[in-house]
């Protein structure tokens, strides 16, 4: 499923790094990516753009997200992503 949104501006370096991580996954080199930063700087938008690009290349993209509000649920983002399989 591709989600269309306006072009992402000023994140070329980050998108290249995420594309490199995806290339590593395709080559069975594995790894992990963590997007961190202050609230409101565009982490979710960057992740959505990278996921859309990976999906456009045939990847199955799993999504999960944490929350700073409410009860702490260990591994919630991972569980959420895996439940979508």
PDB file of N, CA and C in Angstrom:
ATOM      1  N   UNK A   1       0.836  -1.160   0.000  1.00  0.00           N
ATOM      2  CA  UNK A   1       0.000   0.000   0.000  1.00  0.00           C
ATOM      3  C   UNK A   1       0.889   1.234   0.000  1.00  0.00           C
ATOM      4  N   UNK A   2       0.754   2.086  -0.988  1.00  0.00           N
ATOM      5  CA  UNK A   2       1.497   3.334  -1.056  1.00  0.00           C
ATOM      6  C   UNK A   2       0.617   4.477  -0.581  1.00  0.00           C
ATOM      7  N   UNK A   3       1.184   5.315   0.252  1.00  0.00           N
ATOM      8  CA  UNK A   3       0.475   6.499   0.718  1.00  0.00           C
ATOM      9  C   UNK A   3       1.098   7.696   0.021  1.00  0.00           C
ATOM     10  N   UNK A   4       0.325   8.406  -0.746  1.00  0.00           N
ATOM     11  CA  UNK A   4       0.836   9.555  -1.488  1.00  0.00           C
ATOM     12  C   UNK A   4       0.762  10.812  -0.635  1.00  0.00           C
ATOM     13  N   UNK A   5       1.830  11.596  -0.659  1.00  0.00           N
ATOM     14  CA  UNK A   5       1.845  12.876   0.028  1.00  0.00           C
ATOM     15  C   UNK A   5       2.825  13.788  -0.698  1.00  0.00           C
ATOM     16  N   UNK A   6       2.801  15.069  -0.392  1.00  0.00           N
ATOM     17  CA  UNK A   6       3.690  15.998  -1.080  1.00  0.00           C
ATOM     18  C   UNK A   6       5.154  15.592  -0.948  1.00  0.00           C
ATOM     19  N   UNK A   7       5.965  16.078  -1.872  1.00  0.00           N
ATOM     20  CA  UNK A   7       7.390  15.752  -1.897  1.00  0.00           C
ATOM     21  C   UNK A   7       8.072  16.147  -0.588  1.00  0.00           C
ATOM     22  N   UNK A   8       8.966  15.297  -0.135  1.00  0.00           N
ATOM     23  CA  UNK A   8       9.736  15.551   1.076  1.00  0.00           C
ATOM     24  C   UNK A   8      10.946  16.398   0.696  1.00  0.00           C
ATOM     25  N   UNK A   9      11.140  17.510   1.353  1.00  0.00           N
ATOM     26  CA  UNK A   9      12.203  18.454   1.004  1.00  0.00           C
ATOM     27  C   UNK A   9      13.260  18.484   2.101  1.00  0.00           C
ATOM     28  N   UNK A  10      14.530  18.527   1.700  1.00  0.00           N
ATOM     29  CA  UNK A  10      15.619  18.701   2.650  1.00  0.00           C
ATOM     30  C   UNK A  10      16.033  17.464   3.411  1.00  0.00           C
ATOM     31  N   UNK A  11      15.656  16.310   2.945  1.00  0.00           N
ATOM     32  CA  UNK A  11      15.994  15.062   3.649  1.00  0.00           C
ATOM     33  C   UNK A  11      16.719  14.075   2.744  1.00  0.00           C
ATOM     34  N   UNK A  12      17.420  14.592   1.734  1.00  0.00           N
ATOM     35  CA  UNK A  12      18.102  13.712   0.782  1.00  0.00           C
ATOM     36  C   UNK A  12      19.129  12.803   1.458  1.00  0.00           C
ATOM     37  N   UNK A  13      19.926  13.361   2.366  1.00  0.00           N
ATOM     38  CA  UNK A  13      20.954  12.566   3.037  1.00  0.00           C
ATOM     39  C   UNK A  13      20.330  11.437   3.859  1.00  0.00           C
ATOM     40  N   UNK A  14      19.284  11.757   4.586  1.00  0.00           N
ATOM     41  CA  UNK A  14      18.610  10.748   5.401  1.00  0.00           C
ATOM     42  C   UNK A  14      17.963   9.678   4.531  1.00  0.00           C
ATOM     43  N   UNK A  15      17.345  10.096   3.420  1.00  0.00           N
ATOM     44  CA  UNK A  15      16.713   9.128   2.515  1.00  0.00           C
ATOM     45  C   UNK A  15      17.754   8.221   1.867  1.00  0.00           C
ATOM     46  N   UNK A  16      18.933   8.764   1.552  1.00  0.00           N
ATOM     47  CA  UNK A  16      20.010   7.926   1.008  1.00  0.00           C
ATOM     48  C   UNK A  16      20.449   6.893   2.044  1.00  0.00           C
ATOM     49  N   UNK A  17      20.573   7.308   3.297  1.00  0.00           N
ATOM     50  CA  UNK A  17      20.970   6.373   4.356  1.00  0.00           C
ATOM     51  C   UNK A  17      19.926   5.272   4.526  1.00  0.00           C
ATOM     52  N   UNK A  18      18.662   5.636   4.488  1.00  0.00           N
ATOM     53  CA  UNK A  18      17.595   4.639   4.616  1.00  0.00           C
ATOM     54  C   UNK A  18      17.557   3.715   3.406  1.00  0.00           C
ATOM     55  N   UNK A  19      17.796   4.250   2.217  1.00  0.00           N
ATOM     56  CA  UNK A  19      17.857   3.411   1.012  1.00  0.00           C
ATOM     57  C   UNK A  19      19.032   2.446   1.114  1.00  0.00           C
ATOM     58  N   UNK A  20      20.149   2.899   1.668  1.00  0.00           N
ATOM     59  CA  UNK A  20      21.302   2.024   1.871  1.00  0.00           C
ATOM     60  C   UNK A  20      20.988   0.891   2.832  1.00  0.00           C
ATOM     61  N   UNK A  21      20.245   1.191   3.881  1.00  0.00           N
ATOM     62  CA  UNK A  21      19.836   0.148   4.829  1.00  0.00           C
ATOM     63  C   UNK A  21      18.929  -0.867   4.144  1.00  0.00           C
ATOM     64  N   UNK A  22      18.049  -0.381   3.274  1.00  0.00           N
ATOM     65  CA  UNK A  22      17.171  -1.283   2.530  1.00  0.00           C
ATOM     66  C   UNK A  22      17.990  -2.153   1.576  1.00  0.00           C
ATOM     67  N   UNK A  23      18.972  -1.546   0.908  1.00  0.00           N
ATOM     68  CA  UNK A  23      19.855  -2.317   0.024  1.00  0.00           C
ATOM     69  C   UNK A  23      20.586  -3.406   0.806  1.00  0.00           C
ATOM     70  N   UNK A  24      21.042  -3.082   2.017  1.00  0.00           N
ATOM     71  CA  UNK A  24      21.700  -4.084   2.864  1.00  0.00           C
ATOM     72  C   UNK A  24      20.747  -5.231   3.189  1.00  0.00           C
ATOM     73  N   UNK A  25      19.505  -4.912   3.480  1.00  0.00           N
ATOM     74  CA  UNK A  25      18.515  -5.953   3.776  1.00  0.00           C
ATOM     75  C   UNK A  25      18.298  -6.851   2.564  1.00  0.00           C
ATOM     76  N   UNK A  26      18.224  -6.243   1.377  1.00  0.00           N
ATOM     77  CA  UNK A  26      18.056  -7.040   0.153  1.00  0.00           C
ATOM     78  C   UNK A  26      19.240  -7.969  -0.081  1.00  0.00           C
ATOM     79  N   UNK A  27      20.425  -7.553   0.361  1.00  0.00           N
ATOM     80  CA  UNK A  27      21.641  -8.354   0.187  1.00  0.00           C
ATOM     81  C   UNK A  27      21.873  -9.287   1.381  1.00  0.00           C
ATOM     82  N   UNK A  28      20.874  -9.431   2.250  1.00  0.00           N
ATOM     83  CA  UNK A  28      20.934 -10.304   3.427  1.00  0.00           C
ATOM     84  C   UNK A  28      22.044  -9.896   4.393  1.00  0.00           C
ATOM     85  N   UNK A  29      22.371  -8.610   4.446  1.00  0.00           N
ATOM     86  CA  UNK A  29      23.373  -8.131   5.396  1.00  0.00           C
ATOM     87  C   UNK A  29      22.731  -7.683   6.706  1.00  0.00           C
ATOM     88  N   UNK A  30      21.425  -7.572   6.727  1.00  0.00           N
ATOM     89  CA  UNK A  30      20.705  -7.234   7.954  1.00  0.00           C
ATOM     90  C   UNK A  30      21.018  -5.858   8.491  1.00  0.00           C
ATOM     91  N   UNK A  31      20.589  -5.621   9.708  1.00  0.00           N
ATOM     92  CA  UNK A  31      20.821  -4.333  10.347  1.00  0.00           C
ATOM     93  C   UNK A  31      19.542  -3.784  10.936  1.00  0.00           C
ATOM     94  N   UNK A  32      19.645  -2.600  11.468  1.00  0.00           N
ATOM     95  CA  UNK A  32      18.490  -1.928  12.068  1.00  0.00           C
ATOM     96  C   UNK A  32      18.621  -0.432  11.837  1.00  0.00           C
ATOM     97  N   UNK A  33      17.498   0.232  11.821  1.00  0.00           N
ATOM     98  CA  UNK A  33      17.464   1.683  11.659  1.00  0.00           C
ATOM     99  C   UNK A  33      16.618   2.252  12.788  1.00  0.00           C
ATOM    100  N   UNK A  34      17.123   3.275  13.427  1.00  0.00           N
ATOM    101  CA  UNK A  34      16.381   3.973  14.474  1.00  0.00           C
ATOM    102  C   UNK A  34      16.298   5.443  14.098  1.00  0.00           C
ATOM    103  N   UNK A  35      15.096   5.971  14.043  1.00  0.00           N
ATOM    104  CA  UNK A  35      14.899   7.396  13.799  1.00  0.00           C
ATOM    105  C   UNK A  35      14.616   8.043  15.146  1.00  0.00           C
ATOM    106  N   UNK A  36      15.486   8.932  15.562  1.00  0.00           N
ATOM    107  CA  UNK A  36      15.322   9.589  16.856  1.00  0.00           C
ATOM    108  C   UNK A  36      15.381  11.097  16.683  1.00  0.00           C
ATOM    109  N   UNK A  37      14.794  11.805  17.602  1.00  0.00           N
ATOM    110  CA  UNK A  37      14.844  13.262  17.570  1.00  0.00           C
ATOM    111  C   UNK A  37      13.679  13.855  18.322  1.00  0.00           C
ATOM    112  N   UNK A  38      13.711  15.160  18.395  1.00  0.00           N
ATOM    113  CA  UNK A  38      12.663  15.891  19.098  1.00  0.00           C
ATOM    114  C   UNK A  38      11.312  15.702  18.414  1.00  0.00           C
ATOM    115  N   UNK A  39      10.281  15.879  19.176  1.00  0.00           N
ATOM    116  CA  UNK A  39       8.922  15.797  18.652  1.00  0.00           C
ATOM    117  C   UNK A  39       8.697  16.878  17.599  1.00  0.00           C
ATOM    118  N   UNK A  40       8.076  16.488  16.493  1.00  0.00           N
ATOM    119  CA  UNK A  40       7.693  17.462  15.474  1.00  0.00           C
ATOM    120  C   UNK A  40       8.728  17.769  14.414  1.00  0.00           C
ATOM    121  N   UNK A  41       9.871  17.045  14.397  1.00  0.00           N
ATOM    122  CA  UNK A  41      10.896  17.365  13.400  1.00  0.00           C
ATOM    123  C   UNK A  41      10.748  16.582  12.102  1.00  0.00           C
ATOM    124  N   UNK A  42       9.761  15.685  12.039  1.00  0.00           N
ATOM    125  CA  UNK A  42       9.496  14.983  10.791  1.00  0.00           C
ATOM    126  C   UNK A  42       9.942  13.538  10.729  1.00  0.00           C
ATOM    127  N   UNK A  43      10.138  12.899  11.874  1.00  0.00           N
ATOM    128  CA  UNK A  43      10.554  11.492  11.874  1.00  0.00           C
ATOM    129  C   UNK A  43       9.518  10.599  11.208  1.00  0.00           C
ATOM    130  N   UNK A  44       8.260  10.801  11.551  1.00  0.00           N
ATOM    131  CA  UNK A  44       7.194   9.972  10.976  1.00  0.00           C
ATOM    132  C   UNK A  44       7.089  10.192   9.478  1.00  0.00           C
ATOM    133  N   UNK A  45       7.205  11.426   9.045  1.00  0.00           N
ATOM    134  CA  UNK A  45       7.126  11.741   7.609  1.00  0.00           C
ATOM    135  C   UNK A  45       8.292  11.113   6.856  1.00  0.00           C
ATOM    136  N   UNK A  46       9.492  11.178   7.448  1.00  0.00           N
ATOM    137  CA  UNK A  46      10.671  10.570   6.843  1.00  0.00           C
ATOM    138  C   UNK A  46      10.499   9.054   6.763  1.00  0.00           C
ATOM    139  N   UNK A  47      10.023   8.440   7.834  1.00  0.00           N
ATOM    140  CA  UNK A  47       9.800   6.990   7.840  1.00  0.00           C
ATOM    141  C   UNK A  47       8.767   6.596   6.797  1.00  0.00           C
ATOM    142  N   UNK A  48       7.703   7.371   6.686  1.00  0.00           N
ATOM    143  CA  UNK A  48       6.651   7.085   5.701  1.00  0.00           C
ATOM    144  C   UNK A  48       7.206   7.172   4.282  1.00  0.00           C
ATOM    145  N   UNK A  49       8.017   8.183   4.004  1.00  0.00           N
ATOM    146  CA  UNK A  49       8.610   8.331   2.671  1.00  0.00           C
ATOM    147  C   UNK A  49       9.540   7.166   2.358  1.00  0.00           C
ATOM    148  N   UNK A  50      10.392   6.798   3.314  1.00  0.00           N
ATOM    149  CA  UNK A  50      11.307   5.673   3.105  1.00  0.00           C
ATOM    150  C   UNK A  50      10.533   4.372   2.907  1.00  0.00           C
ATOM    151  N   UNK A  51       9.474   4.168   3.680  1.00  0.00           N
ATOM    152  CA  UNK A  51       8.653   2.961   3.541  1.00  0.00           C
ATOM    153  C   UNK A  51       7.972   2.923   2.181  1.00  0.00           C
ATOM    154  N   UNK A  52       7.477   4.052   1.727  1.00  0.00           N
ATOM    155  CA  UNK A  52       6.839   4.107   0.409  1.00  0.00           C
ATOM    156  C   UNK A  52       7.834   3.772  -0.694  1.00  0.00           C
ATOM    157  N   UNK A  53       9.045   4.289  -0.566  1.00  0.00           N
ATOM    158  CA  UNK A  53      10.074   3.993  -1.582  1.00  0.00           C
ATOM    159  C   UNK A  53      10.450   2.517  -1.566  1.00  0.00           C
ATOM    160  N   UNK A  54      10.576   1.939  -0.379  1.00  0.00           N
ATOM    161  CA  UNK A  54      10.891   0.511  -0.279  1.00  0.00           C
ATOM    162  C   UNK A  54       9.749  -0.329  -0.840  1.00  0.00           C
ATOM    163  N   UNK A  55       8.514   0.035  -0.528  1.00  0.00           N
ATOM    164  CA  UNK A  55       7.353  -0.686  -1.067  1.00  0.00           C
ATOM    165  C   UNK A  55       7.319  -0.578  -2.584  1.00  0.00           C
ATOM    166  N   UNK A  56       7.707   0.564  -3.101  1.00  0.00           N
ATOM    167  CA  UNK A  56       7.775   0.748  -4.549  1.00  0.00           C
ATOM    168  C   UNK A  56       8.807  -0.153  -5.203  1.00  0.00           C
ATOM    169  N   UNK A  57       9.760  -0.625  -4.416  1.00  0.00           N
ATOM    170  CA  UNK A  57      10.782  -1.558  -4.908  1.00  0.00           C
ATOM    171  C   UNK A  57      10.412  -3.009  -4.595  1.00  0.00           C
ATOM    172  N   UNK A  58       9.186  -3.227  -4.117  1.00  0.00           N
ATOM    173  CA  UNK A  58       8.710  -4.583  -3.896  1.00  0.00           C
ATOM    174  C   UNK A  58       8.827  -5.099  -2.474  1.00  0.00           C
ATOM    175  N   UNK A  59       9.224  -4.258  -1.537  1.00  0.00           N
ATOM    176  CA  UNK A  59       9.381  -4.706  -0.149  1.00  0.00           C
ATOM    177  C   UNK A  59       8.035  -4.817   0.546  1.00  0.00           C
ATOM    178  N   UNK A  60       7.950  -5.731   1.467  1.00  0.00           N
ATOM    179  CA  UNK A  60       6.801  -5.787   2.371  1.00  0.00           C
ATOM    180  C   UNK A  60       7.201  -4.945   3.577  1.00  0.00           C
ATOM    181  N   UNK A  61       6.481  -3.897   3.804  1.00  0.00           N
ATOM    182  CA  UNK A  61       6.813  -2.955   4.873  1.00  0.00           C
ATOM    183  C   UNK A  61       5.900  -3.201   6.068  1.00  0.00           C
ATOM    184  N   UNK A  62       6.510  -3.443   7.213  1.00  0.00           N
ATOM    185  CA  UNK A  62       5.767  -3.619   8.459  1.00  0.00           C
ATOM    186  C   UNK A  62       5.868  -2.326   9.253  1.00  0.00           C
ATOM    187  N   UNK A  63       4.789  -1.957   9.896  1.00  0.00           N
ATOM    188  CA  UNK A  63       4.785  -0.707  10.656  1.00  0.00           C
ATOM    189  C   UNK A  63       4.355  -0.952  12.096  1.00  0.00           C
ATOM    190  N   UNK A  64       5.029  -0.280  12.999  1.00  0.00           N
ATOM    191  CA  UNK A  64       4.673  -0.278  14.405  1.00  0.00           C
ATOM    192  C   UNK A  64       5.151   1.032  14.987  1.00  0.00           C
ATOM    193  N   UNK A  65       4.495   1.502  16.017  1.00  0.00           N
ATOM    194  CA  UNK A  65       4.954   2.763  16.600  1.00  0.00           C
ATOM    195  C   UNK A  65       4.799   2.745  18.105  1.00  0.00           C
ATOM    196  N   UNK A  66       5.703   3.437  18.756  1.00  0.00           N
ATOM    197  CA  UNK A  66       5.660   3.577  20.197  1.00  0.00           C
ATOM    198  C   UNK A  66       4.846   4.804  20.568  1.00  0.00           C
ATOM    199  N   UNK A  67       4.621   4.945  21.839  1.00  0.00           N
ATOM    200  CA  UNK A  67       3.869   6.096  22.321  1.00  0.00           C
ATOM    201  C   UNK A  67       4.418   6.532  23.668  1.00  0.00           C
ATOM    202  N   UNK A  68       4.572   7.829  23.830  1.00  0.00           N
ATOM    203  CA  UNK A  68       5.014   8.374  25.113  1.00  0.00           C
ATOM    204  C   UNK A  68       3.828   8.593  26.045  1.00  0.00           C
ATOM    205  N   UNK A  69       2.632   8.334  25.551  1.00  0.00           N
ATOM    206  CA  UNK A  69       1.410   8.537  26.324  1.00  0.00           C
ATOM    207  C   UNK A  69       0.794   7.176  26.636  1.00  0.00           C
ATOM    208  N   UNK A  70       0.294   7.001  27.833  1.00  0.00           N
ATOM    209  CA  UNK A  70      -0.361   5.754  28.198  1.00  0.00           C
ATOM    210  C   UNK A  70       0.606   4.776  28.831  1.00  0.00           C
ATOM    211  N   UNK A  71       0.143   3.547  29.038  1.00  0.00           N
ATOM    212  CA  UNK A  71       0.981   2.554  29.715  1.00  0.00           C
ATOM    213  C   UNK A  71       2.161   2.123  28.847  1.00  0.00           C
ATOM    214  N   UNK A  72       3.257   1.786  29.502  1.00  0.00           N
ATOM    215  CA  UNK A  72       4.435   1.279  28.802  1.00  0.00           C
ATOM    216  C   UNK A  72       4.188  -0.184  28.469  1.00  0.00           C
ATOM    217  N   UNK A  73       4.276  -0.521  27.209  1.00  0.00           N
ATOM    218  CA  UNK A  73       4.093  -1.898  26.756  1.00  0.00           C
ATOM    219  C   UNK A  73       5.398  -2.324  26.086  1.00  0.00           C
ATOM    220  N   UNK A  74       6.165  -3.221  26.742  1.00  0.00           N
ATOM    221  CA  UNK A  74       7.442  -3.637  26.167  1.00  0.00           C
ATOM    222  C   UNK A  74       7.277  -4.184  24.746  1.00  0.00           C
ATOM    223  N   UNK A  75       8.151  -3.775  23.877  1.00  0.00           N
ATOM    224  CA  UNK A  75       8.192  -4.251  22.493  1.00  0.00           C
ATOM    225  C   UNK A  75       6.911  -3.970  21.713  1.00  0.00           C
ATOM    226  N   UNK A  76       6.131  -3.006  22.140  1.00  0.00           N
ATOM    227  CA  UNK A  76       4.861  -2.702  21.464  1.00  0.00           C
ATOM    228  C   UNK A  76       5.032  -2.446  19.961  1.00  0.00           C
ATOM    229  N   UNK A  77       5.993  -1.596  19.551  1.00  0.00           N
ATOM    230  CA  UNK A  77       6.124  -1.357  18.109  1.00  0.00           C
ATOM    231  C   UNK A  77       6.426  -2.637  17.328  1.00  0.00           C
ATOM    232  N   UNK A  78       7.282  -3.481  17.885  1.00  0.00           N
ATOM    233  CA  UNK A  78       7.618  -4.734  17.215  1.00  0.00           C
ATOM    234  C   UNK A  78       6.405  -5.654  17.145  1.00  0.00           C
ATOM    235  N   UNK A  79       5.693  -5.789  18.253  1.00  0.00           N
ATOM    236  CA  UNK A  79       4.497  -6.637  18.269  1.00  0.00           C
ATOM    237  C   UNK A  79       3.460  -6.124  17.279  1.00  0.00           C
ATOM    238  N   UNK A  80       3.268  -4.820  17.251  1.00  0.00           N
ATOM    239  CA  UNK A  80       2.307  -4.219  16.321  1.00  0.00           C
ATOM    240  C   UNK A  80       2.685  -4.523  14.871  1.00  0.00           C
ATOM    241  N   UNK A  81       3.970  -4.406  14.568  1.00  0.00           N
ATOM    242  CA  UNK A  81       4.431  -4.686  13.206  1.00  0.00           C
ATOM    243  C   UNK A  81       4.221  -6.151  12.846  1.00  0.00           C
ATOM    244  N   UNK A  82       4.569  -7.053  13.751  1.00  0.00           N
ATOM    245  CA  UNK A  82       4.450  -8.483  13.461  1.00  0.00           C
ATOM    246  C   UNK A  82       3.000  -8.940  13.370  1.00  0.00           C
ATOM    247  N   UNK A  83       2.118  -8.308  14.117  1.00  0.00           N
ATOM    248  CA  UNK A  83       0.702  -8.675  14.049  1.00  0.00           C
ATOM    249  C   UNK A  83       0.089  -8.358  12.688  1.00  0.00           C
ATOM    250  N   UNK A  84       0.731  -7.489  11.922  1.00  0.00           N
ATOM    251  CA  UNK A  84       0.196  -7.144  10.605  1.00  0.00           C
ATOM    252  C   UNK A  84       0.501  -8.211   9.555  1.00  0.00           C
ATOM    253  N   UNK A  85       1.311  -9.212   9.917  1.00  0.00           N
ATOM    254  CA  UNK A  85       1.670 -10.252   8.934  1.00  0.00           C
ATOM    255  C   UNK A  85       0.521 -11.168   8.626  1.00  0.00           C
TER     256      UNK A  85
END
